[in-house]
PDB file of N, CA and C in Angstrom:
ATOM      1  N   MET A   1       0.823  -1.167   0.009  1.00  0.00           N
ATOM      2  CA  MET A   1      -0.001  -0.051   0.053  1.00  0.00           C
ATOM      3  C   MET A   1       0.810   1.226   0.044  1.00  0.00           C
ATOM      4  N   ASP A   2       0.539   2.120  -0.871  1.00  0.00           N
ATOM      5  CA  ASP A   2       1.266   3.445  -0.905  1.00  0.00           C
ATOM      6  C   ASP A   2       0.374   4.619  -0.226  1.00  0.00           C
ATOM      7  N   GLU A   3       0.679   4.907   0.917  1.00  0.00           N
ATOM      8  CA  GLU A   3      -0.010   5.984   1.521  1.00  0.00           C
ATOM      9  C   GLU A   3       0.522   7.363   1.521  1.00  0.00           C
ATOM     10  N   THR A   4       1.332   7.470   0.511  1.00  0.00           N
ATOM     11  CA  THR A   4       2.022   8.771   0.463  1.00  0.00           C
ATOM     12  C   THR A   4       1.188  10.078   0.352  1.00  0.00           C
ATOM     13  N   ARG A   5      -0.001   9.949  -0.278  1.00  0.00           N
ATOM     14  CA  ARG A   5      -0.885  11.120  -0.396  1.00  0.00           C
ATOM     15  C   ARG A   5      -1.984  11.117   0.623  1.00  0.00           C
ATOM     16  N   VAL A   6      -2.038  10.072   1.521  1.00  0.00           N
ATOM     17  CA  VAL A   6      -3.039   9.976   2.583  1.00  0.00           C
ATOM     18  C   VAL A   6      -2.563  10.993   3.747  1.00  0.00           C
ATOM     19  N   PRO A   7      -3.588  11.876   4.196  1.00  0.00           N
ATOM     20  CA  PRO A   7      -3.136  12.802   5.209  1.00  0.00           C
ATOM     21  C   PRO A   7      -2.880  12.074   6.482  1.00  0.00           C
ATOM     22  N   THR A   8      -2.214  12.648   7.459  1.00  0.00           N
ATOM     23  CA  THR A   8      -1.721  12.128   8.742  1.00  0.00           C
ATOM     24  C   THR A   8      -2.776  12.799   9.770  1.00  0.00           C
ATOM     25  N   TYR A   9      -3.174  11.804  10.728  1.00  0.00           N
ATOM     26  CA  TYR A   9      -4.190  12.186  11.673  1.00  0.00           C
ATOM     27  C   TYR A   9      -3.583  11.887  13.050  1.00  0.00           C
ATOM     28  N   PRO A  10      -3.655  12.855  13.963  1.00  0.00           N
ATOM     29  CA  PRO A  10      -3.137  12.619  15.206  1.00  0.00           C
ATOM     30  C   PRO A  10      -3.941  11.708  16.183  1.00  0.00           C
ATOM     31  N   ILE A  11      -3.473  10.702  16.757  1.00  0.00           N
ATOM     32  CA  ILE A  11      -4.139   9.716  17.633  1.00  0.00           C
ATOM     33  C   ILE A  11      -3.639   9.992  19.124  1.00  0.00           C
ATOM     34  N   SER A  12      -4.483  10.514  19.996  1.00  0.00           N
ATOM     35  CA  SER A  12      -3.987  10.717  21.399  1.00  0.00           C
ATOM     36  C   SER A  12      -4.371   9.600  22.243  1.00  0.00           C
ATOM     37  N   ASN A  13      -3.359   9.181  23.053  1.00  0.00           N
ATOM     38  CA  ASN A  13      -3.525   8.282  24.169  1.00  0.00           C
ATOM     39  C   ASN A  13      -3.548   8.909  25.478  1.00  0.00           C
ATOM     40  N   LEU A  14      -4.783   9.107  26.099  1.00  0.00           N
ATOM     41  CA  LEU A  14      -4.819  10.198  27.284  1.00  0.00           C
ATOM     42  C   LEU A  14      -4.782   9.209  28.591  1.00  0.00           C
ATOM     43  N   ILE A  15      -4.703   7.773  28.480  1.00  0.00           N
ATOM     44  CA  ILE A  15      -4.675   6.981  29.648  1.00  0.00           C
ATOM     45  C   ILE A  15      -3.634   6.992  30.457  1.00  0.00           C
ATOM     46  N   PRO A  16      -2.451   7.018  29.972  1.00  0.00           N
ATOM     47  CA  PRO A  16      -1.182   6.965  30.868  1.00  0.00           C
ATOM     48  C   PRO A  16      -1.045   8.257  31.519  1.00  0.00           C
ATOM     49  N   THR A  17      -0.090   8.172  32.624  1.00  0.00           N
ATOM     50  CA  THR A  17       0.204   9.366  33.355  1.00  0.00           C
ATOM     51  C   THR A  17       0.707  10.628  32.478  1.00  0.00           C
ATOM     52  N   HIS A  18       1.584  10.111  31.449  1.00  0.00           N
ATOM     53  CA  HIS A  18       2.024  11.061  30.422  1.00  0.00           C
ATOM     54  C   HIS A  18       1.481  10.606  29.078  1.00  0.00           C
ATOM     55  N   PRO A  19       0.527  11.452  28.662  1.00  0.00           N
ATOM     56  CA  PRO A  19      -0.169  11.178  27.412  1.00  0.00           C
ATOM     57  C   PRO A  19       0.751  11.124  26.223  1.00  0.00           C
ATOM     58  N   THR A  20       0.405  10.454  25.301  1.00  0.00           N
ATOM     59  CA  THR A  20       1.227  10.428  24.075  1.00  0.00           C
ATOM     60  C   THR A  20       0.333  10.647  22.755  1.00  0.00           C
ATOM     61  N   THR A  21       1.010  11.023  21.708  1.00  0.00           N
ATOM     62  CA  THR A  21       0.206  11.222  20.471  1.00  0.00           C
ATOM     63  C   THR A  21       0.976  10.532  19.314  1.00  0.00           C
ATOM     64  N   ASP A  22       0.366   9.758  18.669  1.00  0.00           N
ATOM     65  CA  ASP A  22       0.865   8.987  17.394  1.00  0.00           C
ATOM     66  C   ASP A  22       0.219   9.568  16.185  1.00  0.00           C
ATOM     67  N   ASN A  23       1.102   9.667  15.105  1.00  0.00           N
ATOM     68  CA  ASN A  23       0.416  10.115  13.903  1.00  0.00           C
ATOM     69  C   ASN A  23       0.253   8.944  12.978  1.00  0.00           C
ATOM     70  N   GLU A  24      -1.032   8.797  12.622  1.00  0.00           N
ATOM     71  CA  GLU A  24      -1.412   7.639  11.620  1.00  0.00           C
ATOM     72  C   GLU A  24      -2.044   8.192  10.401  1.00  0.00           C
ATOM     73  N   LYS A  25      -1.697   7.515   9.288  1.00  0.00           N
ATOM     74  CA  LYS A  25      -2.225   7.876   7.994  1.00  0.00           C
ATOM     75  C   LYS A  25      -3.727   7.482   8.084  1.00  0.00           C
ATOM     76  N   TYR A  26      -4.686   8.460   7.803  1.00  0.00           N
ATOM     77  CA  TYR A  26      -6.015   8.252   7.800  1.00  0.00           C
ATOM     78  C   TYR A  26      -6.769   9.069   6.849  1.00  0.00           C
ATOM     79  N   PRO A  27      -7.508   8.544   5.815  1.00  0.00           N
ATOM     80  CA  PRO A  27      -8.260   9.326   4.872  1.00  0.00           C
ATOM     81  C   PRO A  27      -9.617   9.727   5.390  1.00  0.00           C
ATOM     82  N   ASP A  28      -9.829  11.059   5.530  1.00  0.00           N
ATOM     83  CA  ASP A  28     -11.161  11.564   5.885  1.00  0.00           C
ATOM     84  C   ASP A  28     -11.898  11.586   4.679  1.00  0.00           C
ATOM     85  N   VAL A  29     -13.345  11.949   4.739  1.00  0.00           N
ATOM     86  CA  VAL A  29     -14.072  12.041   3.494  1.00  0.00           C
ATOM     87  C   VAL A  29     -13.480  13.072   2.564  1.00  0.00           C
ATOM     88  N   GLY A  30     -13.442  12.591   1.416  1.00  0.00           N
ATOM     89  CA  GLY A  30     -12.714  13.592   0.290  1.00  0.00           C
ATOM     90  C   GLY A  30     -11.245  13.415   0.140  1.00  0.00           C
ATOM     91  N   ASP A  31     -10.636  12.873   1.151  1.00  0.00           N
ATOM     92  CA  ASP A  31      -9.162  12.768   1.008  1.00  0.00           C
ATOM     93  C   ASP A  31      -8.705  11.579   0.177  1.00  0.00           C
ATOM     94  N   PRO A  32      -7.497  11.561  -0.315  1.00  0.00           N
ATOM     95  CA  PRO A  32      -7.061  10.575  -1.210  1.00  0.00           C
ATOM     96  C   PRO A  32      -6.877   9.279  -0.282  1.00  0.00           C
ATOM     97  N   ASN A  33      -7.285   8.065  -0.840  1.00  0.00           N
ATOM     98  CA  ASN A  33      -7.012   6.747  -0.311  1.00  0.00           C
ATOM     99  C   ASN A  33      -5.838   6.139  -0.603  1.00  0.00           C
ATOM    100  N   PRO A  34      -5.190   5.195   0.127  1.00  0.00           N
ATOM    101  CA  PRO A  34      -4.002   4.539  -0.335  1.00  0.00           C
ATOM    102  C   PRO A  34      -4.132   3.925  -1.545  1.00  0.00           C
ATOM    103  N   VAL A  35      -3.005   3.825  -2.372  1.00  0.00           N
ATOM    104  CA  VAL A  35      -2.891   3.162  -3.720  1.00  0.00           C
ATOM    105  C   VAL A  35      -2.610   1.627  -3.317  1.00  0.00           C
ATOM    106  N   VAL A  36      -3.446   0.675  -3.763  1.00  0.00           N
ATOM    107  CA  VAL A  36      -3.109  -0.673  -3.398  1.00  0.00           C
ATOM    108  C   VAL A  36      -2.700  -1.545  -4.517  1.00  0.00           C
ATOM    109  N   LYS A  37      -1.731  -2.501  -4.375  1.00  0.00           N
ATOM    110  CA  LYS A  37      -1.345  -3.238  -5.376  1.00  0.00           C
ATOM    111  C   LYS A  37      -1.255  -4.690  -4.568  1.00  0.00           C
ATOM    112  N   LEU A  38      -1.595  -5.717  -5.387  1.00  0.00           N
ATOM    113  CA  LEU A  38      -1.535  -7.065  -4.919  1.00  0.00           C
ATOM    114  C   LEU A  38      -0.548  -7.841  -5.677  1.00  0.00           C
ATOM    115  N   GLY A  39       0.502  -8.466  -5.080  1.00  0.00           N
ATOM    116  CA  GLY A  39       1.478  -9.279  -5.642  1.00  0.00           C
ATOM    117  C   GLY A  39       1.658 -10.721  -4.958  1.00  0.00           C
ATOM    118  N   VAL A  40       1.991 -11.602  -5.741  1.00  0.00           N
ATOM    119  CA  VAL A  40       2.360 -13.033  -5.310  1.00  0.00           C
ATOM    120  C   VAL A  40       3.795 -13.236  -5.483  1.00  0.00           C
ATOM    121  N   ALA A  41       4.330 -13.599  -4.307  1.00  0.00           N
ATOM    122  CA  ALA A  41       5.887 -13.905  -4.330  1.00  0.00           C
ATOM    123  C   ALA A  41       6.120 -15.353  -4.589  1.00  0.00           C
ATOM    124  N   ASP A  42       7.113 -15.591  -5.395  1.00  0.00           N
ATOM    125  CA  ASP A  42       7.535 -17.024  -5.433  1.00  0.00           C
ATOM    126  C   ASP A  42       8.706 -17.372  -4.373  1.00  0.00           C
ATOM    127  N   ALA A  43       8.372 -18.204  -3.477  1.00  0.00           N
ATOM    128  CA  ALA A  43       9.192 -18.331  -2.286  1.00  0.00           C
ATOM    129  C   ALA A  43      10.647 -18.890  -2.701  1.00  0.00           C
ATOM    130  N   ASP A  44      10.698 -19.575  -3.820  1.00  0.00           N
ATOM    131  CA  ASP A  44      11.873 -20.170  -4.170  1.00  0.00           C
ATOM    132  C   ASP A  44      12.850 -19.186  -4.899  1.00  0.00           C
ATOM    133  N   LYS A  45      12.141 -18.405  -5.796  1.00  0.00           N
ATOM    134  CA  LYS A  45      12.853 -17.644  -6.796  1.00  0.00           C
ATOM    135  C   LYS A  45      12.920 -16.196  -6.375  1.00  0.00           C
ATOM    136  N   GLY A  46      11.969 -15.777  -5.418  1.00  0.00           N
ATOM    137  CA  GLY A  46      11.963 -14.416  -5.037  1.00  0.00           C
ATOM    138  C   GLY A  46      11.362 -13.403  -5.919  1.00  0.00           C
ATOM    139  N   LYS A  47      10.781 -13.907  -7.029  1.00  0.00           N
ATOM    140  CA  LYS A  47      10.046 -12.976  -8.115  1.00  0.00           C
ATOM    141  C   LYS A  47       8.713 -12.678  -7.478  1.00  0.00           C
ATOM    142  N   VAL A  48       8.227 -11.466  -7.926  1.00  0.00           N
ATOM    143  CA  VAL A  48       6.806 -11.145  -7.503  1.00  0.00           C
ATOM    144  C   VAL A  48       6.011 -10.975  -8.725  1.00  0.00           C
ATOM    145  N   ARG A  49       4.905 -11.569  -8.882  1.00  0.00           N
ATOM    146  CA  ARG A  49       3.992 -11.481 -10.002  1.00  0.00           C
ATOM    147  C   ARG A  49       2.908 -10.603  -9.410  1.00  0.00           C
ATOM    148  N   TRP A  50       2.635  -9.490 -10.217  1.00  0.00           N
ATOM    149  CA  TRP A  50       1.650  -8.424  -9.726  1.00  0.00           C
ATOM    150  C   TRP A  50       0.284  -8.795 -10.415  1.00  0.00           C
ATOM    151  N   ILE A  51      -0.724  -8.793  -9.559  1.00  0.00           N
ATOM    152  CA  ILE A  51      -2.021  -9.166  -9.952  1.00  0.00           C
ATOM    153  C   ILE A  51      -2.804  -7.837 -10.495  1.00  0.00           C
ATOM    154  N   SER A  52      -3.472  -7.992 -11.748  1.00  0.00           N
ATOM    155  CA  SER A  52      -4.148  -6.844 -12.279  1.00  0.00           C
ATOM    156  C   SER A  52      -5.497  -6.671 -11.431  1.00  0.00           C
ATOM    157  N   LEU A  53      -5.588  -5.523 -10.944  1.00  0.00           N
ATOM    158  CA  LEU A  53      -6.885  -5.047 -10.186  1.00  0.00           C
ATOM    159  C   LEU A  53      -7.571  -3.951 -10.977  1.00  0.00           C
ATOM    160  N   THR A  54      -8.911  -3.746 -10.590  1.00  0.00           N
ATOM    161  CA  THR A  54      -9.599  -2.644 -11.327  1.00  0.00           C
ATOM    162  C   THR A  54      -9.132  -1.346 -10.722  1.00  0.00           C
ATOM    163  N   ASP A  55      -9.413  -0.371 -11.442  1.00  0.00           N
ATOM    164  CA  ASP A  55      -8.896   1.069 -11.010  1.00  0.00           C
ATOM    165  C   ASP A  55      -9.365   1.459  -9.679  1.00  0.00           C
ATOM    166  N   ASP A  56     -10.539   1.005  -9.296  1.00  0.00           N
ATOM    167  CA  ASP A  56     -11.129   1.435  -7.985  1.00  0.00           C
ATOM    168  C   ASP A  56     -10.729   0.550  -6.802  1.00  0.00           C
ATOM    169  N   ALA A  57      -9.658  -0.236  -6.924  1.00  0.00           N
ATOM    170  CA  ALA A  57      -9.132  -1.147  -5.955  1.00  0.00           C
ATOM    171  C   ALA A  57      -8.413  -0.312  -4.778  1.00  0.00           C
ATOM    172  N   GLU A  58      -9.194   0.035  -3.691  1.00  0.00           N
ATOM    173  CA  GLU A  58      -8.596   0.956  -2.656  1.00  0.00           C
ATOM    174  C   GLU A  58      -8.414   0.171  -1.426  1.00  0.00           C
ATOM    175  N   TYR A  59      -9.081  -0.935  -1.331  1.00  0.00           N
ATOM    176  CA  TYR A  59      -9.014  -1.899  -0.098  1.00  0.00           C
ATOM    177  C   TYR A  59      -9.316  -3.170  -0.554  1.00  0.00           C
ATOM    178  N   ILE A  60      -8.490  -4.053  -0.052  1.00  0.00           N
ATOM    179  CA  ILE A  60      -8.674  -5.533  -0.413  1.00  0.00           C
ATOM    180  C   ILE A  60      -8.647  -6.345   0.897  1.00  0.00           C
ATOM    181  N   PRO A  61      -9.809  -6.527   1.573  1.00  0.00           N
ATOM    182  CA  PRO A  61      -9.850  -7.217   2.880  1.00  0.00           C
ATOM    183  C   PRO A  61      -9.603  -8.656   2.711  1.00  0.00           C
ATOM    184  N   ARG A  62     -10.077  -9.261   1.655  1.00  0.00           N
ATOM    185  CA  ARG A  62      -9.909 -10.759   1.471  1.00  0.00           C
ATOM    186  C   ARG A  62      -9.702 -11.157   0.036  1.00  0.00           C
ATOM    187  N   PHE A  63      -8.716 -12.163  -0.191  1.00  0.00           N
ATOM    188  CA  PHE A  63      -8.547 -12.748  -1.476  1.00  0.00           C
ATOM    189  C   PHE A  63      -8.213 -14.123  -1.459  1.00  0.00           C
ATOM    190  N   GLY A  64      -8.148 -14.841  -2.391  1.00  0.00           N
ATOM    191  CA  GLY A  64      -7.907 -16.314  -2.357  1.00  0.00           C
ATOM    192  C   GLY A  64      -7.836 -16.817  -3.857  1.00  0.00           C
ATOM    193  N   TRP A  65      -7.617 -18.016  -4.065  1.00  0.00           N
ATOM    194  CA  TRP A  65      -7.423 -18.674  -5.303  1.00  0.00           C
ATOM    195  C   TRP A  65      -8.796 -19.494  -5.623  1.00  0.00           C
ATOM    196  N   VAL A  66      -9.268 -19.340  -6.860  1.00  0.00           N
ATOM    197  CA  VAL A  66     -10.267 -20.153  -7.266  1.00  0.00           C
ATOM    198  C   VAL A  66      -9.686 -21.368  -7.906  1.00  0.00           C
ATOM    199  N   ARG A  67      -8.765 -21.292  -8.582  1.00  0.00           N
ATOM    200  CA  ARG A  67      -7.864 -22.336  -9.175  1.00  0.00           C
ATOM    201  C   ARG A  67      -6.510 -21.721  -9.720  1.00  0.00           C
ATOM    202  N   ASP A  68      -5.657 -22.483 -10.274  1.00  0.00           N
ATOM    203  CA  ASP A  68      -4.389 -21.915 -10.824  1.00  0.00           C
ATOM    204  C   ASP A  68      -4.605 -20.778 -11.608  1.00  0.00           C
ATOM    205  N   GLY A  69      -4.094 -19.689 -11.367  1.00  0.00           N
ATOM    206  CA  GLY A  69      -4.075 -18.462 -12.181  1.00  0.00           C
ATOM    207  C   GLY A  69      -5.424 -17.610 -12.126  1.00  0.00           C
ATOM    208  N   ILE A  70      -6.323 -18.036 -11.296  1.00  0.00           N
ATOM    209  CA  ILE A  70      -7.591 -17.256 -11.152  1.00  0.00           C
ATOM    210  C   ILE A  70      -7.681 -16.873  -9.578  1.00  0.00           C
ATOM    211  N   ILE A  71      -7.787 -15.549  -9.317  1.00  0.00           N
ATOM    212  CA  ILE A  71      -7.915 -15.027  -7.962  1.00  0.00           C
ATOM    213  C   ILE A  71      -9.277 -14.447  -7.753  1.00  0.00           C
ATOM    214  N   TRP A  72      -9.884 -14.575  -6.550  1.00  0.00           N
ATOM    215  CA  TRP A  72     -11.048 -13.822  -6.214  1.00  0.00           C
ATOM    216  C   TRP A  72     -10.724 -12.938  -5.055  1.00  0.00           C
ATOM    217  N   ARG A  73     -11.504 -11.731  -4.954  1.00  0.00           N
ATOM    218  CA  ARG A  73     -11.385 -10.815  -3.833  1.00  0.00           C
ATOM    219  C   ARG A  73     -12.709 -10.326  -3.572  1.00  0.00           C
ATOM    220  N   ARG A  74     -12.853  -9.842  -2.306  1.00  0.00           N
ATOM    221  CA  ARG A  74     -13.986  -9.247  -1.736  1.00  0.00           C
ATOM    222  C   ARG A  74     -13.744  -7.977  -1.120  1.00  0.00           C
ATOM    223  N   PHE A  75     -14.652  -7.123  -1.431  1.00  0.00           N
ATOM    224  CA  PHE A  75     -14.479  -5.757  -0.979  1.00  0.00           C
ATOM    225  C   PHE A  75     -15.005  -5.468   0.388  1.00  0.00           C
TER     226      PHE A  75
END
């Protein structure tokens, strides 16, 4: 995931004696979403084969194989 264009949002933890703030990438309404790519790595050769996704693929919560060469995904 490339989150370069996603704005940073401060997350405050007020529970400890000394509160902390972490900055997380978080797209609000109208902000750019992360750019997503899905690749399959060959464990023996170390090569990555990139899977073609539609242009609106911003989130891929689940994917799997139907059979050799055919992938499914759920939004």
